[in-house]
């Protein structure tokens, strides 16, 4: 059964980022349609896969990670206005039976992502 999952690591603290808001959208031919909004837990993950089973379909998706709010709550200096606010990560799902894991490693000044397992 295919699924889409994520996790967020705060590389300033060297640990999981809890309470990061994430929006998931899909390209629908006329623009972007929001499918879900979720929040990371104390492990920096969502409680369940963001999409799984029949919810997961081939297409172009975008995860938007709301990191400025997260760093502000933690009292981390990030500039005014923040250098990074909402980080969009666009990716394509081809095989709806596969596991797509899209993590985010983040500081107030930089980020990276990759396709994990």
N, C-alpha and C. Protein backbone atom coordinates (compact mmCIF):
# COMPACT_ATOMS: atom_id res chain seq x y z
N UNK A 1 0.85 -1.18 0.00
CA UNK A 1 0.00 0.00 0.00
C UNK A 1 0.89 1.24 0.00
N UNK A 2 0.65 2.14 -0.94
CA UNK A 2 1.45 3.34 -1.05
C UNK A 2 1.13 4.35 0.04
N UNK A 3 2.11 5.21 0.31
CA UNK A 3 1.88 6.27 1.28
C UNK A 3 2.86 7.41 1.09
N UNK A 4 2.46 8.57 1.61
CA UNK A 4 3.31 9.75 1.66
C UNK A 4 3.51 10.12 3.11
N UNK A 5 4.77 10.25 3.52
CA UNK A 5 5.08 10.64 4.88
C UNK A 5 6.16 11.71 4.88
N UNK A 6 6.35 12.33 6.04
CA UNK A 6 7.38 13.36 6.19
C UNK A 6 7.84 13.39 7.63
N UNK A 7 8.93 14.04 7.85
CA UNK A 7 9.34 14.44 9.20
C UNK A 7 10.18 15.71 9.06
N UNK A 8 10.27 16.46 10.16
CA UNK A 8 11.01 17.72 10.16
C UNK A 8 12.04 17.65 11.28
N UNK A 9 13.30 17.93 10.91
CA UNK A 9 14.38 17.98 11.90
C UNK A 9 14.88 19.41 12.01
N UNK A 10 14.94 19.90 13.24
CA UNK A 10 15.47 21.22 13.55
C UNK A 10 16.97 21.05 13.75
N UNK A 11 17.77 21.45 12.78
CA UNK A 11 19.20 21.23 12.89
C UNK A 11 19.91 22.27 13.76
N UNK A 12 19.18 23.28 14.25
CA UNK A 12 19.73 24.20 15.26
C UNK A 12 19.81 23.44 16.58
N UNK A 13 18.75 22.74 16.93
CA UNK A 13 18.68 21.98 18.18
C UNK A 13 19.26 20.58 18.04
N UNK A 14 19.31 20.08 16.79
CA UNK A 14 19.75 18.71 16.59
C UNK A 14 18.70 17.70 17.00
N UNK A 15 17.43 18.02 16.73
CA UNK A 15 16.35 17.12 17.12
C UNK A 15 15.09 17.36 16.31
N UNK A 16 14.06 16.59 16.61
CA UNK A 16 12.80 16.73 15.88
C UNK A 16 12.14 18.08 16.13
N UNK A 17 11.43 18.56 15.11
CA UNK A 17 10.70 19.83 15.20
C UNK A 17 9.23 19.53 15.42
N UNK A 18 8.76 19.79 16.63
CA UNK A 18 7.36 19.54 16.97
C UNK A 18 6.52 20.79 16.74
N UNK A 19 5.30 20.58 16.26
CA UNK A 19 4.38 21.69 16.07
C UNK A 19 4.56 22.46 14.78
N UNK A 20 5.22 21.88 13.79
CA UNK A 20 5.37 22.54 12.49
C UNK A 20 4.11 22.27 11.66
N UNK A 21 3.46 23.33 11.22
CA UNK A 21 2.30 23.19 10.34
C UNK A 21 2.74 22.86 8.93
N UNK A 22 2.02 21.93 8.31
CA UNK A 22 2.35 21.50 6.95
C UNK A 22 1.05 21.44 6.15
N UNK A 23 1.07 22.06 4.97
CA UNK A 23 -0.06 21.97 4.05
C UNK A 23 0.35 21.10 2.87
N UNK A 24 -0.58 20.26 2.41
CA UNK A 24 -0.35 19.44 1.23
C UNK A 24 -1.33 19.86 0.15
N UNK A 25 -0.79 20.11 -1.06
CA UNK A 25 -1.64 20.48 -2.19
C UNK A 25 -1.26 19.62 -3.39
N UNK A 26 -2.18 19.54 -4.35
CA UNK A 26 -1.95 18.82 -5.58
C UNK A 26 -2.27 19.75 -6.75
N UNK A 27 -1.48 19.64 -7.82
CA UNK A 27 -1.76 20.40 -9.04
C UNK A 27 -2.96 19.76 -9.71
N UNK A 28 -3.97 20.59 -10.03
CA UNK A 28 -5.20 20.03 -10.60
C UNK A 28 -5.49 20.51 -12.02
N UNK A 29 -4.48 21.06 -12.69
CA UNK A 29 -4.67 21.53 -14.06
C UNK A 29 -4.96 23.01 -14.16
N UNK A 30 -5.52 23.60 -13.12
CA UNK A 30 -5.81 25.04 -13.12
C UNK A 30 -5.05 25.77 -12.03
N UNK A 31 -4.35 25.03 -11.20
CA UNK A 31 -3.63 25.62 -10.07
C UNK A 31 -3.37 24.55 -9.03
N UNK A 32 -3.35 24.98 -7.78
CA UNK A 32 -3.08 24.08 -6.66
C UNK A 32 -4.32 23.95 -5.80
N UNK A 33 -4.67 22.73 -5.44
CA UNK A 33 -5.81 22.46 -4.58
C UNK A 33 -5.30 21.84 -3.28
N UNK A 34 -5.59 22.50 -2.17
CA UNK A 34 -5.14 22.00 -0.86
C UNK A 34 -5.92 20.74 -0.50
N UNK A 35 -5.16 19.71 -0.12
CA UNK A 35 -5.77 18.44 0.27
C UNK A 35 -5.87 18.28 1.77
N UNK A 36 -4.81 18.68 2.48
CA UNK A 36 -4.76 18.48 3.93
C UNK A 36 -3.85 19.51 4.58
N UNK A 37 -4.11 19.74 5.85
CA UNK A 37 -3.21 20.50 6.71
C UNK A 37 -2.95 19.64 7.94
N UNK A 38 -1.68 19.45 8.28
CA UNK A 38 -1.30 18.59 9.40
C UNK A 38 -0.23 19.31 10.23
N UNK A 39 0.09 18.76 11.38
CA UNK A 39 1.10 19.32 12.26
C UNK A 39 2.00 18.20 12.76
N UNK A 40 3.29 18.49 12.87
CA UNK A 40 4.21 17.48 13.37
C UNK A 40 4.04 17.28 14.88
N UNK A 41 4.33 16.06 15.32
CA UNK A 41 4.24 15.73 16.74
C UNK A 41 5.61 15.86 17.41
N UNK A 42 5.74 15.36 18.64
CA UNK A 42 6.99 15.50 19.40
C UNK A 42 8.17 14.78 18.74
N UNK A 43 7.89 13.87 17.81
CA UNK A 43 8.95 13.18 17.07
C UNK A 43 9.26 13.85 15.73
N UNK A 44 8.64 15.01 15.47
CA UNK A 44 8.85 15.71 14.23
C UNK A 44 8.13 15.07 13.05
N UNK A 45 7.22 14.15 13.34
CA UNK A 45 6.48 13.42 12.30
C UNK A 45 5.00 13.73 12.43
N UNK A 46 4.26 13.36 11.42
CA UNK A 46 2.80 13.44 11.53
C UNK A 46 2.32 12.14 12.18
N UNK A 47 1.18 12.19 12.84
CA UNK A 47 0.68 11.02 13.57
C UNK A 47 0.43 9.83 12.64
N UNK A 48 0.04 10.12 11.42
CA UNK A 48 -0.23 9.09 10.41
C UNK A 48 0.42 9.54 9.10
N UNK A 49 0.56 8.64 8.15
CA UNK A 49 1.01 9.11 6.83
C UNK A 49 0.07 10.22 6.34
N UNK A 50 0.61 11.16 5.60
CA UNK A 50 -0.21 12.26 5.11
C UNK A 50 -1.23 11.76 4.10
N UNK A 51 -0.80 10.87 3.23
CA UNK A 51 -1.69 10.17 2.30
C UNK A 51 -1.36 8.69 2.36
N UNK A 52 -2.36 7.85 2.21
CA UNK A 52 -2.10 6.41 2.14
C UNK A 52 -3.23 5.71 1.41
N UNK A 53 -2.90 4.56 0.85
CA UNK A 53 -3.90 3.76 0.16
C UNK A 53 -4.49 4.48 -1.03
N UNK A 54 -5.83 4.47 -1.09
CA UNK A 54 -6.54 5.07 -2.22
C UNK A 54 -6.40 6.59 -2.28
N UNK A 55 -5.98 7.23 -1.19
CA UNK A 55 -5.77 8.69 -1.20
C UNK A 55 -4.57 9.07 -2.07
N UNK A 56 -3.61 8.16 -2.18
CA UNK A 56 -2.38 8.45 -2.91
C UNK A 56 -2.56 8.14 -4.39
N UNK A 57 -2.38 9.14 -5.21
CA UNK A 57 -2.55 8.99 -6.67
C UNK A 57 -1.38 9.64 -7.37
N UNK A 58 -1.05 9.17 -8.56
CA UNK A 58 0.00 9.84 -9.32
C UNK A 58 -0.35 11.32 -9.53
N UNK A 59 0.67 12.16 -9.52
CA UNK A 59 0.45 13.58 -9.73
C UNK A 59 1.58 14.42 -9.17
N UNK A 60 1.46 15.72 -9.36
CA UNK A 60 2.43 16.69 -8.85
C UNK A 60 1.89 17.26 -7.54
N UNK A 61 2.66 17.13 -6.48
CA UNK A 61 2.25 17.55 -5.14
C UNK A 61 3.18 18.64 -4.61
N UNK A 62 2.69 19.35 -3.59
CA UNK A 62 3.50 20.35 -2.91
C UNK A 62 3.22 20.27 -1.42
N UNK A 63 4.29 20.09 -0.65
CA UNK A 63 4.23 20.22 0.80
C UNK A 63 4.75 21.61 1.15
N UNK A 64 4.02 22.34 1.99
CA UNK A 64 4.47 23.66 2.44
C UNK A 64 4.67 23.57 3.95
N UNK A 65 5.92 23.76 4.37
CA UNK A 65 6.31 23.67 5.78
C UNK A 65 6.36 25.09 6.36
N UNK A 66 5.57 25.36 7.39
CA UNK A 66 5.48 26.69 7.99
C UNK A 66 6.50 26.80 9.13
N UNK A 67 7.73 27.12 8.77
CA UNK A 67 8.83 27.06 9.73
C UNK A 67 9.02 28.35 10.53
N UNK A 68 8.66 29.50 9.99
CA UNK A 68 8.85 30.75 10.74
C UNK A 68 8.03 30.73 12.02
N UNK A 69 6.81 30.24 11.95
CA UNK A 69 5.96 30.14 13.15
C UNK A 69 6.60 29.22 14.18
N UNK A 70 7.15 28.11 13.70
CA UNK A 70 7.82 27.15 14.60
C UNK A 70 8.99 27.80 15.32
N UNK A 71 9.90 28.44 14.57
CA UNK A 71 11.07 29.06 15.19
C UNK A 71 10.68 30.23 16.11
N UNK A 72 9.66 30.98 15.74
CA UNK A 72 9.20 32.08 16.60
C UNK A 72 8.72 31.54 17.95
N UNK A 73 7.95 30.44 17.94
CA UNK A 73 7.47 29.84 19.19
C UNK A 73 8.63 29.38 20.07
N UNK A 74 9.71 28.97 19.47
CA UNK A 74 10.87 28.48 20.21
C UNK A 74 11.82 29.61 20.62
N UNK A 75 11.52 30.85 20.18
CA UNK A 75 12.35 31.99 20.54
C UNK A 75 13.69 32.03 19.81
N UNK A 76 13.75 31.40 18.64
CA UNK A 76 14.98 31.37 17.85
C UNK A 76 15.04 32.61 16.96
N UNK A 77 16.18 33.33 17.00
CA UNK A 77 16.37 34.50 16.15
C UNK A 77 16.35 34.07 14.69
N UNK A 78 15.56 34.80 13.88
CA UNK A 78 15.44 34.42 12.48
C UNK A 78 15.33 35.61 11.54
N UNK A 79 15.60 36.80 12.04
CA UNK A 79 15.50 37.99 11.20
C UNK A 79 14.10 38.55 11.23
N UNK A 80 13.99 39.81 10.79
CA UNK A 80 12.68 40.45 10.78
C UNK A 80 12.53 41.23 9.47
N UNK A 81 11.73 40.76 8.54
CA UNK A 81 10.94 39.53 8.61
C UNK A 81 11.83 38.29 8.50
N UNK A 82 11.29 37.12 8.85
CA UNK A 82 12.09 35.90 8.79
C UNK A 82 12.61 35.64 7.37
N UNK A 83 13.84 35.14 7.30
CA UNK A 83 14.43 34.79 6.00
C UNK A 83 13.62 33.66 5.36
N UNK A 84 13.32 32.62 6.12
CA UNK A 84 12.47 31.52 5.64
C UNK A 84 11.16 31.55 6.39
N UNK A 85 10.08 31.58 5.67
CA UNK A 85 8.75 31.61 6.28
C UNK A 85 8.06 30.28 6.02
N UNK A 86 7.52 30.12 4.83
CA UNK A 86 6.86 28.88 4.42
C UNK A 86 7.70 28.28 3.30
N UNK A 87 8.15 27.04 3.49
CA UNK A 87 9.03 26.38 2.52
C UNK A 87 8.22 25.42 1.68
N UNK A 88 8.08 25.69 0.36
CA UNK A 88 7.38 24.76 -0.52
C UNK A 88 8.33 23.72 -1.09
N UNK A 89 7.91 22.47 -1.07
CA UNK A 89 8.68 21.38 -1.68
C UNK A 89 7.75 20.68 -2.66
N UNK A 90 8.07 20.80 -3.96
CA UNK A 90 7.25 20.16 -5.01
C UNK A 90 7.91 18.87 -5.46
N UNK A 91 7.09 17.85 -5.68
CA UNK A 91 7.59 16.55 -6.09
C UNK A 91 6.49 15.83 -6.85
N UNK A 92 6.88 14.79 -7.57
CA UNK A 92 5.94 14.03 -8.38
C UNK A 92 5.84 12.60 -7.87
N UNK A 93 4.63 12.14 -7.73
CA UNK A 93 4.37 10.75 -7.41
C UNK A 93 4.01 10.04 -8.70
N UNK A 94 4.75 9.00 -9.01
CA UNK A 94 4.53 8.23 -10.22
C UNK A 94 3.87 6.90 -9.89
N UNK A 95 4.38 6.23 -8.87
CA UNK A 95 3.91 4.90 -8.48
C UNK A 95 3.10 5.00 -7.18
N UNK A 96 1.79 4.93 -7.29
CA UNK A 96 0.91 5.10 -6.13
C UNK A 96 1.01 3.93 -5.15
N UNK A 97 1.72 2.87 -5.50
CA UNK A 97 1.88 1.75 -4.57
C UNK A 97 3.18 1.87 -3.77
N UNK A 98 3.99 2.89 -4.04
CA UNK A 98 5.28 3.07 -3.37
C UNK A 98 5.16 3.96 -2.14
N UNK A 99 6.20 3.92 -1.30
CA UNK A 99 6.29 4.80 -0.14
C UNK A 99 7.14 6.00 -0.53
N UNK A 100 6.56 7.19 -0.45
CA UNK A 100 7.26 8.45 -0.70
C UNK A 100 7.44 9.14 0.64
N UNK A 101 8.69 9.33 1.04
CA UNK A 101 9.00 10.01 2.29
C UNK A 101 9.77 11.28 1.94
N UNK A 102 9.24 12.45 2.34
CA UNK A 102 9.82 13.74 1.97
C UNK A 102 10.14 14.50 3.26
N UNK A 103 11.33 14.30 3.81
CA UNK A 103 11.70 15.00 5.05
C UNK A 103 12.25 16.40 4.80
N UNK A 104 12.27 17.19 5.86
CA UNK A 104 12.84 18.54 5.80
C UNK A 104 13.82 18.69 6.96
N UNK A 105 15.04 19.10 6.66
CA UNK A 105 16.03 19.48 7.66
C UNK A 105 16.13 20.99 7.58
N UNK A 106 15.98 21.69 8.72
CA UNK A 106 15.79 23.14 8.62
C UNK A 106 16.45 23.90 9.77
N UNK A 107 16.92 25.10 9.42
CA UNK A 107 17.33 26.14 10.37
C UNK A 107 16.58 27.40 9.92
N UNK A 108 16.68 28.50 10.65
CA UNK A 108 16.04 29.73 10.18
C UNK A 108 16.67 30.27 8.89
N UNK A 109 17.84 29.73 8.49
CA UNK A 109 18.59 30.28 7.37
C UNK A 109 18.81 29.30 6.22
N UNK A 110 18.45 28.04 6.42
CA UNK A 110 18.72 27.06 5.37
C UNK A 110 17.82 25.84 5.55
N UNK A 111 17.70 25.06 4.46
CA UNK A 111 16.97 23.80 4.54
C UNK A 111 17.46 22.85 3.47
N UNK A 112 17.17 21.58 3.66
CA UNK A 112 17.41 20.57 2.63
C UNK A 112 16.34 19.51 2.74
N UNK A 113 16.17 18.80 1.65
CA UNK A 113 15.18 17.73 1.59
C UNK A 113 15.72 16.64 0.67
N UNK A 114 15.08 15.51 0.69
CA UNK A 114 15.47 14.39 -0.15
C UNK A 114 14.31 13.39 -0.17
N UNK A 115 14.38 12.42 -1.07
CA UNK A 115 13.39 11.34 -1.02
C UNK A 115 13.96 10.25 -0.12
N UNK A 116 13.33 10.09 1.01
CA UNK A 116 13.76 9.08 1.96
C UNK A 116 13.01 7.79 1.77
N UNK A 117 13.17 6.90 2.72
CA UNK A 117 12.50 5.60 2.65
C UNK A 117 11.69 5.35 3.89
